[in-house]
Amino acid sequence: MFQTTLRTLALAASLLTAPAWADEGFTNRDFKGDYAFHLNGVLTQSGAPVVTAYDAAVGRLTADGAGAITKGARSVSANGAIFEETFTCTYNIRADGTGKANCNFSVFGPATLDIVLRDNDEFYFNVTSMPNTTGKPVLQGIGKRQSPGLDRDDRG
């Protein structure tokens, strides 16, 4: 009986002293690794009934888990013109998984992104500002962690 009581107390103590990070929600650490992404959408002109430009892009990036995106590269189709560009960003992820990234693209200049982490492997984003463009962005995309452990010999 005494041993059962001790075991119960030990179990309760271990449950009550769970690591602090268990309840903190998302942090910058949750956005780490190599990701492939795509985006598409349009640029609109305020007050104009037409689309200024159709845009789409595919690319990859490395998030360091500490608030920086490095090794960003993408291929952009802007109204059919193709641009290859690189980029870096700083980001901040809030406990609810939402965040912002301030980026600098080698061709199109600065942009701000709203980010939502789905889990450690996937994120969604919207481009919310592009000061060097004449239109307002309506661009969204999805990024997914790349699989470096993929064994290419398993292809059938």
N, C-alpha and C. Protein backbone atom coordinates (compact mmCIF):
# COMPACT_ATOMS: atom_id res chain seq x y z
N MET A 1 0.83 -1.19 0.00
CA MET A 1 0.00 0.00 0.00
C MET A 1 0.87 1.26 0.00
N PHE A 2 1.89 1.27 0.87
CA PHE A 2 2.78 2.43 0.94
C PHE A 2 3.50 2.64 -0.38
N GLN A 3 3.94 1.52 -1.01
CA GLN A 3 4.64 1.64 -2.30
C GLN A 3 3.71 2.16 -3.39
N THR A 4 2.45 1.76 -3.36
CA THR A 4 1.49 2.24 -4.34
C THR A 4 1.28 3.75 -4.18
N THR A 5 1.19 4.20 -2.94
CA THR A 5 1.03 5.63 -2.68
C THR A 5 2.24 6.41 -3.17
N LEU A 6 3.46 5.88 -2.92
CA LEU A 6 4.67 6.54 -3.39
C LEU A 6 4.72 6.61 -4.90
N ARG A 7 4.35 5.52 -5.56
CA ARG A 7 4.33 5.51 -7.02
C ARG A 7 3.34 6.53 -7.57
N THR A 8 2.16 6.61 -6.94
CA THR A 8 1.15 7.57 -7.38
C THR A 8 1.65 9.00 -7.22
N LEU A 9 2.28 9.28 -6.07
CA LEU A 9 2.84 10.62 -5.85
C LEU A 9 3.95 10.94 -6.84
N ALA A 10 4.80 9.96 -7.13
CA ALA A 10 5.89 10.18 -8.09
C ALA A 10 5.33 10.46 -9.48
N LEU A 11 4.31 9.71 -9.88
CA LEU A 11 3.68 9.93 -11.18
C LEU A 11 3.04 11.32 -11.25
N ALA A 12 2.33 11.70 -10.20
CA ALA A 12 1.69 13.02 -10.17
C ALA A 12 2.74 14.13 -10.23
N ALA A 13 3.84 13.96 -9.49
CA ALA A 13 4.90 14.97 -9.50
C ALA A 13 5.52 15.10 -10.88
N SER A 14 5.72 13.98 -11.56
CA SER A 14 6.33 14.04 -12.89
C SER A 14 5.38 14.69 -13.90
N LEU A 15 4.08 14.48 -13.76
CA LEU A 15 3.12 15.10 -14.66
C LEU A 15 3.01 16.60 -14.40
N LEU A 16 3.10 16.99 -13.14
CA LEU A 16 2.98 18.40 -12.78
C LEU A 16 4.24 19.20 -13.10
N THR A 17 5.35 18.52 -13.30
CA THR A 17 6.60 19.22 -13.59
C THR A 17 7.01 18.98 -15.04
N ALA A 18 6.04 18.97 -15.93
CA ALA A 18 6.33 18.80 -17.36
C ALA A 18 7.21 19.96 -17.82
N PRO A 19 7.99 19.76 -18.85
CA PRO A 19 8.85 20.85 -19.33
C PRO A 19 8.06 22.11 -19.64
N ALA A 20 8.67 23.26 -19.41
CA ALA A 20 8.00 24.54 -19.64
C ALA A 20 7.61 24.70 -21.10
N TRP A 21 8.42 24.16 -22.02
CA TRP A 21 8.13 24.34 -23.44
C TRP A 21 6.90 23.60 -23.90
N ALA A 22 6.40 22.65 -23.09
CA ALA A 22 5.27 21.83 -23.52
C ALA A 22 4.02 22.68 -23.78
N ASP A 23 3.86 23.81 -23.05
CA ASP A 23 2.66 24.61 -23.19
C ASP A 23 2.91 25.97 -23.83
N GLU A 24 4.09 26.22 -24.36
CA GLU A 24 4.38 27.55 -24.87
C GLU A 24 3.82 27.82 -26.26
N GLY A 25 3.31 26.81 -26.93
CA GLY A 25 2.81 27.00 -28.29
C GLY A 25 3.96 27.04 -29.28
N PHE A 26 3.72 27.70 -30.40
CA PHE A 26 4.74 27.82 -31.44
C PHE A 26 5.78 28.87 -31.06
N THR A 27 6.98 28.71 -31.59
CA THR A 27 8.04 29.71 -31.46
C THR A 27 8.81 29.72 -32.78
N ASN A 28 9.79 30.60 -32.87
CA ASN A 28 10.66 30.61 -34.06
C ASN A 28 11.32 29.26 -34.27
N ARG A 29 11.58 28.52 -33.19
CA ARG A 29 12.22 27.19 -33.31
C ARG A 29 11.40 26.21 -34.15
N ASP A 30 10.10 26.45 -34.25
CA ASP A 30 9.25 25.53 -35.01
C ASP A 30 9.32 25.76 -36.51
N PHE A 31 9.95 26.83 -36.93
CA PHE A 31 10.13 27.10 -38.36
C PHE A 31 11.62 26.96 -38.65
N LYS A 32 12.03 25.73 -38.90
CA LYS A 32 13.45 25.43 -39.08
C LYS A 32 13.60 24.33 -40.12
N GLY A 33 14.54 24.53 -41.03
CA GLY A 33 14.84 23.51 -42.02
C GLY A 33 14.72 24.03 -43.43
N ASP A 34 14.79 23.12 -44.37
CA ASP A 34 14.70 23.44 -45.80
C ASP A 34 13.27 23.20 -46.26
N TYR A 35 12.73 24.18 -46.95
CA TYR A 35 11.34 24.12 -47.41
C TYR A 35 11.28 24.41 -48.90
N ALA A 36 10.39 23.73 -49.60
CA ALA A 36 10.02 24.05 -50.98
C ALA A 36 8.68 24.79 -50.89
N PHE A 37 8.45 25.74 -51.80
CA PHE A 37 7.20 26.48 -51.73
C PHE A 37 6.74 26.88 -53.13
N HIS A 38 5.48 27.26 -53.20
CA HIS A 38 4.94 27.88 -54.42
C HIS A 38 3.99 28.98 -53.99
N LEU A 39 3.83 29.95 -54.85
CA LEU A 39 2.84 31.00 -54.62
C LEU A 39 2.22 31.37 -55.95
N ASN A 40 1.03 31.92 -55.87
CA ASN A 40 0.40 32.46 -57.07
C ASN A 40 -0.61 33.52 -56.68
N GLY A 41 -0.99 34.31 -57.64
CA GLY A 41 -1.95 35.36 -57.39
C GLY A 41 -1.80 36.48 -58.39
N VAL A 42 -2.26 37.65 -57.98
CA VAL A 42 -2.27 38.80 -58.87
C VAL A 42 -1.82 40.05 -58.12
N LEU A 43 -1.45 41.06 -58.90
CA LEU A 43 -1.30 42.41 -58.37
C LEU A 43 -2.49 43.20 -58.89
N THR A 44 -3.14 43.95 -58.03
CA THR A 44 -4.28 44.76 -58.44
C THR A 44 -3.91 46.23 -58.29
N GLN A 45 -4.59 47.07 -59.02
CA GLN A 45 -4.38 48.51 -58.92
C GLN A 45 -5.57 49.11 -58.20
N SER A 46 -5.33 49.89 -57.17
CA SER A 46 -6.43 50.52 -56.42
C SER A 46 -7.32 51.31 -57.37
N GLY A 47 -8.61 51.05 -57.31
CA GLY A 47 -9.57 51.77 -58.12
C GLY A 47 -9.68 51.30 -59.56
N ALA A 48 -8.80 50.41 -59.99
CA ALA A 48 -8.84 49.93 -61.38
C ALA A 48 -9.63 48.62 -61.43
N PRO A 49 -10.43 48.42 -62.47
CA PRO A 49 -11.23 47.21 -62.58
C PRO A 49 -10.44 46.02 -63.15
N VAL A 50 -9.15 46.20 -63.44
CA VAL A 50 -8.39 45.13 -64.07
C VAL A 50 -7.21 44.71 -63.19
N VAL A 51 -6.71 43.55 -63.47
CA VAL A 51 -5.53 43.04 -62.79
C VAL A 51 -4.29 43.66 -63.42
N THR A 52 -3.36 44.11 -62.59
CA THR A 52 -2.11 44.71 -63.08
C THR A 52 -1.15 43.65 -63.59
N ALA A 53 -1.02 42.55 -62.84
CA ALA A 53 -0.08 41.48 -63.22
C ALA A 53 -0.52 40.17 -62.61
N TYR A 54 -0.27 39.10 -63.34
CA TYR A 54 -0.46 37.75 -62.83
C TYR A 54 0.91 37.23 -62.40
N ASP A 55 1.01 36.68 -61.22
CA ASP A 55 2.29 36.22 -60.69
C ASP A 55 2.19 34.78 -60.19
N ALA A 56 3.28 34.07 -60.36
CA ALA A 56 3.42 32.73 -59.80
C ALA A 56 4.91 32.50 -59.55
N ALA A 57 5.23 31.66 -58.58
CA ALA A 57 6.63 31.38 -58.29
C ALA A 57 6.75 30.01 -57.63
N VAL A 58 7.91 29.40 -57.84
CA VAL A 58 8.31 28.21 -57.09
C VAL A 58 9.71 28.47 -56.56
N GLY A 59 10.01 27.88 -55.42
CA GLY A 59 11.34 28.11 -54.87
C GLY A 59 11.61 27.27 -53.65
N ARG A 60 12.71 27.62 -52.99
CA ARG A 60 13.09 26.94 -51.76
C ARG A 60 13.72 27.95 -50.83
N LEU A 61 13.74 27.60 -49.53
CA LEU A 61 14.34 28.47 -48.53
C LEU A 61 14.84 27.62 -47.37
N THR A 62 15.70 28.22 -46.59
CA THR A 62 16.17 27.59 -45.35
C THR A 62 15.82 28.52 -44.20
N ALA A 63 15.02 28.02 -43.25
CA ALA A 63 14.69 28.77 -42.04
C ALA A 63 15.59 28.24 -40.93
N ASP A 64 16.22 29.15 -40.17
CA ASP A 64 17.21 28.71 -39.17
C ASP A 64 16.64 28.42 -37.79
N GLY A 65 15.36 28.63 -37.58
CA GLY A 65 14.77 28.36 -36.27
C GLY A 65 15.06 29.45 -35.25
N ALA A 66 15.75 30.51 -35.68
CA ALA A 66 16.09 31.61 -34.77
C ALA A 66 15.62 32.96 -35.32
N GLY A 67 14.82 32.95 -36.40
CA GLY A 67 14.27 34.19 -36.92
C GLY A 67 14.86 34.66 -38.23
N ALA A 68 15.63 33.81 -38.92
CA ALA A 68 16.21 34.22 -40.20
C ALA A 68 15.94 33.17 -41.28
N ILE A 69 15.60 33.66 -42.46
CA ILE A 69 15.49 32.82 -43.65
C ILE A 69 16.69 33.13 -44.51
N THR A 70 17.42 32.09 -44.86
CA THR A 70 18.62 32.23 -45.69
C THR A 70 18.48 31.30 -46.89
N LYS A 71 19.37 31.43 -47.81
CA LYS A 71 19.39 30.56 -48.99
C LYS A 71 18.04 30.52 -49.71
N GLY A 72 17.33 31.64 -49.71
CA GLY A 72 16.08 31.72 -50.43
C GLY A 72 16.34 31.90 -51.92
N ALA A 73 15.66 31.13 -52.73
CA ALA A 73 15.77 31.25 -54.19
C ALA A 73 14.42 30.90 -54.79
N ARG A 74 14.05 31.63 -55.82
CA ARG A 74 12.78 31.34 -56.48
C ARG A 74 12.83 31.73 -57.94
N SER A 75 11.97 31.11 -58.70
CA SER A 75 11.75 31.44 -60.09
C SER A 75 10.35 32.04 -60.17
N VAL A 76 10.27 33.27 -60.65
CA VAL A 76 9.02 34.01 -60.67
C VAL A 76 8.56 34.21 -62.10
N SER A 77 7.28 34.01 -62.34
CA SER A 77 6.65 34.38 -63.60
C SER A 77 5.75 35.57 -63.29
N ALA A 78 6.12 36.74 -63.80
CA ALA A 78 5.34 37.96 -63.61
C ALA A 78 4.80 38.39 -64.96
N ASN A 79 3.53 38.13 -65.17
CA ASN A 79 2.89 38.41 -66.47
C ASN A 79 3.62 37.71 -67.61
N GLY A 80 4.17 36.53 -67.32
CA GLY A 80 4.84 35.74 -68.34
C GLY A 80 6.33 35.98 -68.44
N ALA A 81 6.84 37.06 -67.86
CA ALA A 81 8.29 37.30 -67.84
C ALA A 81 8.88 36.50 -66.67
N ILE A 82 9.96 35.78 -66.94
CA ILE A 82 10.56 34.90 -65.92
C ILE A 82 11.75 35.60 -65.29
N PHE A 83 11.79 35.59 -63.96
CA PHE A 83 12.88 36.17 -63.18
C PHE A 83 13.41 35.13 -62.19
N GLU A 84 14.71 35.00 -62.12
CA GLU A 84 15.34 34.17 -61.10
C GLU A 84 15.84 35.14 -60.03
N GLU A 85 15.47 34.90 -58.78
CA GLU A 85 15.95 35.80 -57.74
C GLU A 85 16.25 35.06 -56.45
N THR A 86 17.06 35.71 -55.65
CA THR A 86 17.39 35.20 -54.32
C THR A 86 16.77 36.13 -53.29
N PHE A 87 16.69 35.65 -52.04
CA PHE A 87 16.11 36.50 -51.00
C PHE A 87 16.56 36.03 -49.62
N THR A 88 16.46 36.94 -48.68
CA THR A 88 16.64 36.66 -47.25
C THR A 88 15.49 37.33 -46.52
N CYS A 89 15.21 36.83 -45.32
CA CYS A 89 14.12 37.40 -44.51
C CYS A 89 14.48 37.29 -43.04
N THR A 90 13.81 38.11 -42.25
CA THR A 90 13.76 37.90 -40.81
C THR A 90 12.31 37.59 -40.49
N TYR A 91 12.09 36.72 -39.50
CA TYR A 91 10.72 36.35 -39.16
C TYR A 91 10.54 36.25 -37.66
N ASN A 92 9.27 36.34 -37.25
CA ASN A 92 8.90 36.16 -35.86
C ASN A 92 7.60 35.37 -35.82
N ILE A 93 7.62 34.25 -35.11
CA ILE A 93 6.44 33.38 -34.99
C ILE A 93 5.86 33.54 -33.59
N ARG A 94 4.54 33.80 -33.51
CA ARG A 94 3.85 33.94 -32.23
C ARG A 94 3.38 32.56 -31.74
N ALA A 95 2.98 32.51 -30.48
CA ALA A 95 2.58 31.24 -29.85
C ALA A 95 1.43 30.55 -30.58
N ASP A 96 0.56 31.32 -31.25
CA ASP A 96 -0.57 30.71 -31.97
C ASP A 96 -0.18 30.21 -33.36
N GLY A 97 1.10 30.34 -33.73
CA GLY A 97 1.57 29.84 -35.03
C GLY A 97 1.54 30.87 -36.13
N THR A 98 1.01 32.06 -35.86
CA THR A 98 1.01 33.12 -36.86
C THR A 98 2.28 33.95 -36.72
N GLY A 99 2.65 34.64 -37.77
CA GLY A 99 3.84 35.47 -37.69
C GLY A 99 3.99 36.33 -38.92
N LYS A 100 5.08 37.07 -38.93
CA LYS A 100 5.42 37.94 -40.05
C LYS A 100 6.85 37.70 -40.47
N ALA A 101 7.11 37.88 -41.75
CA ALA A 101 8.47 37.84 -42.29
C ALA A 101 8.69 39.10 -43.09
N ASN A 102 9.80 39.75 -42.84
CA ASN A 102 10.22 40.91 -43.62
C ASN A 102 11.35 40.44 -44.52
N CYS A 103 11.11 40.52 -45.83
CA CYS A 103 12.03 39.93 -46.79
C CYS A 103 12.62 40.99 -47.72
N ASN A 104 13.77 40.65 -48.29
CA ASN A 104 14.39 41.48 -49.31
C ASN A 104 14.72 40.58 -50.49
N PHE A 105 14.05 40.81 -51.61
CA PHE A 105 14.21 40.02 -52.82
C PHE A 105 15.17 40.74 -53.76
N SER A 106 16.04 39.98 -54.42
CA SER A 106 17.08 40.58 -55.26
C SER A 106 16.54 41.30 -56.49
N VAL A 107 15.37 40.94 -56.99
CA VAL A 107 14.79 41.60 -58.17
C VAL A 107 13.65 42.54 -57.76
N PHE A 108 12.73 42.08 -56.95
CA PHE A 108 11.53 42.86 -56.64
C PHE A 108 11.63 43.68 -55.36
N GLY A 109 12.74 43.60 -54.62
CA GLY A 109 12.93 44.43 -53.44
C GLY A 109 12.22 43.91 -52.21
N PRO A 110 11.87 44.81 -51.28
CA PRO A 110 11.29 44.38 -50.00
C PRO A 110 9.85 43.90 -50.15
N ALA A 111 9.47 43.01 -49.25
CA ALA A 111 8.09 42.52 -49.15
C ALA A 111 7.86 42.05 -47.74
N THR A 112 6.61 42.13 -47.31
CA THR A 112 6.21 41.61 -46.01
C THR A 112 5.26 40.44 -46.24
N LEU A 113 5.46 39.37 -45.48
CA LEU A 113 4.62 38.18 -45.59
C LEU A 113 3.94 37.91 -44.25
N ASP A 114 2.68 37.51 -44.29
CA ASP A 114 2.03 36.92 -43.13
C ASP A 114 2.22 35.42 -43.24
N ILE A 115 2.61 34.79 -42.14
CA ILE A 115 2.89 33.35 -42.14
C ILE A 115 2.00 32.66 -41.11
N VAL A 116 1.56 31.46 -41.42
CA VAL A 116 0.88 30.61 -40.45
C VAL A 116 1.53 29.23 -40.54
N LEU A 117 2.08 28.76 -39.41
CA LEU A 117 2.63 27.41 -39.37
C LEU A 117 1.49 26.43 -39.18
N ARG A 118 1.46 25.43 -39.99
CA ARG A 118 0.45 24.38 -39.83
C ARG A 118 0.97 23.34 -38.86
N ASP A 119 2.19 22.97 -39.02
CA ASP A 119 2.91 22.05 -38.13
C ASP A 119 4.38 22.26 -38.44
N ASN A 120 5.24 21.38 -38.01
CA ASN A 120 6.67 21.56 -38.26
C ASN A 120 7.04 21.32 -39.73
N ASP A 121 6.12 20.83 -40.53
CA ASP A 121 6.45 20.48 -41.90
C ASP A 121 5.81 21.36 -42.96
N GLU A 122 4.88 22.22 -42.57
CA GLU A 122 4.14 22.96 -43.58
C GLU A 122 3.80 24.36 -43.07
N PHE A 123 3.79 25.34 -43.99
CA PHE A 123 3.36 26.68 -43.63
C PHE A 123 2.59 27.30 -44.79
N TYR A 124 1.73 28.25 -44.45
CA TYR A 124 0.96 29.01 -45.43
C TYR A 124 1.43 30.46 -45.35
N PHE A 125 1.34 31.20 -46.46
CA PHE A 125 1.73 32.59 -46.39
C PHE A 125 0.96 33.44 -47.39
N ASN A 126 0.82 34.71 -47.06
CA ASN A 126 0.27 35.75 -47.92
C ASN A 126 1.30 36.84 -48.04
N VAL A 127 1.44 37.41 -49.21
CA VAL A 127 2.27 38.60 -49.38
C VAL A 127 1.37 39.78 -49.05
N THR A 128 1.75 40.56 -48.04
CA THR A 128 0.88 41.66 -47.62
C THR A 128 1.35 43.03 -48.09
N SER A 129 2.63 43.14 -48.44
CA SER A 129 3.07 44.42 -49.01
C SER A 129 4.28 44.20 -49.91
N MET A 130 4.32 44.99 -50.98
CA MET A 130 5.44 45.01 -51.93
C MET A 130 5.62 46.45 -52.36
N PRO A 131 6.35 47.26 -51.57
CA PRO A 131 6.43 48.69 -51.83
C PRO A 131 7.01 49.08 -53.19
N ASN A 132 7.83 48.23 -53.81
CA ASN A 132 8.45 48.59 -55.08
C ASN A 132 7.60 48.24 -56.30
N THR A 133 6.36 47.81 -56.09
CA THR A 133 5.48 47.48 -57.21
C THR A 133 4.36 48.50 -57.30
N THR A 134 3.75 48.60 -58.47
CA THR A 134 2.66 49.56 -58.66
C THR A 134 1.33 49.01 -58.20
N GLY A 135 1.21 47.70 -58.05
CA GLY A 135 -0.06 47.10 -57.67
C GLY A 135 -0.08 46.64 -56.23
N LYS A 136 -1.25 46.28 -55.75
CA LYS A 136 -1.42 45.71 -54.42
C LYS A 136 -1.40 44.19 -54.56
N PRO A 137 -0.61 43.48 -53.71
CA PRO A 137 -0.50 42.04 -53.87
C PRO A 137 -1.72 41.29 -53.35
N VAL A 138 -2.16 40.34 -54.13
CA VAL A 138 -3.12 39.32 -53.71
C VAL A 138 -2.43 38.00 -54.05
N LEU A 139 -1.42 37.68 -53.26
CA LEU A 139 -0.54 36.53 -53.52
C LEU A 139 -0.53 35.62 -52.30
N GLN A 140 -0.69 34.35 -52.51
CA GLN A 140 -0.65 33.40 -51.41
C GLN A 140 0.08 32.14 -51.83
N GLY A 141 0.57 31.41 -50.84
CA GLY A 141 1.32 30.20 -51.17
C GLY A 141 1.37 29.22 -50.02
N ILE A 142 1.99 28.09 -50.31
CA ILE A 142 2.17 27.01 -49.34
C ILE A 142 3.62 26.55 -49.43
N GLY A 143 4.22 26.29 -48.28
CA GLY A 143 5.56 25.72 -48.23
C GLY A 143 5.54 24.40 -47.49
N LYS A 144 6.36 23.49 -47.89
CA LYS A 144 6.42 22.16 -47.30
C LYS A 144 7.88 21.79 -47.09
N ARG A 145 8.20 21.20 -45.93
CA ARG A 145 9.57 20.79 -45.65
C ARG A 145 10.04 19.78 -46.68
N GLN A 146 11.27 19.99 -47.16
CA GLN A 146 11.86 19.03 -48.09
C GLN A 146 12.30 17.80 -47.32
N SER A 147 12.42 16.67 -47.99
CA SER A 147 12.76 15.40 -47.36
C SER A 147 14.19 15.00 -47.72
N PRO A 148 15.19 15.47 -46.96
CA PRO A 148 16.58 15.14 -47.31
C PRO A 148 16.89 13.66 -47.15
N GLY A 149 16.09 12.94 -46.36
CA GLY A 149 16.35 11.54 -46.13
C GLY A 149 15.74 10.62 -47.20
N LEU A 150 15.13 11.20 -48.22
CA LEU A 150 14.52 10.40 -49.28
C LEU A 150 15.56 9.52 -49.94
N ASP A 151 15.29 8.26 -49.98
CA ASP A 151 16.22 7.31 -50.60
C ASP A 151 15.82 7.15 -52.06
N ARG A 152 16.57 7.75 -52.94
CA ARG A 152 16.26 7.72 -54.36
C ARG A 152 16.40 6.32 -54.97
N ASP A 153 17.05 5.39 -54.27
CA ASP A 153 17.15 4.02 -54.76
C ASP A 153 15.84 3.26 -54.60
N ASP A 154 14.90 3.83 -53.81
CA ASP A 154 13.63 3.14 -53.58
C ASP A 154 12.62 3.40 -54.68
N ARG A 155 12.98 4.20 -55.67
CA ARG A 155 12.03 4.47 -56.75
C ARG A 155 11.80 3.19 -57.53
N GLY A 156 10.56 2.93 -57.85
CA GLY A 156 10.21 1.68 -58.51
C GLY A 156 10.00 1.77 -59.96
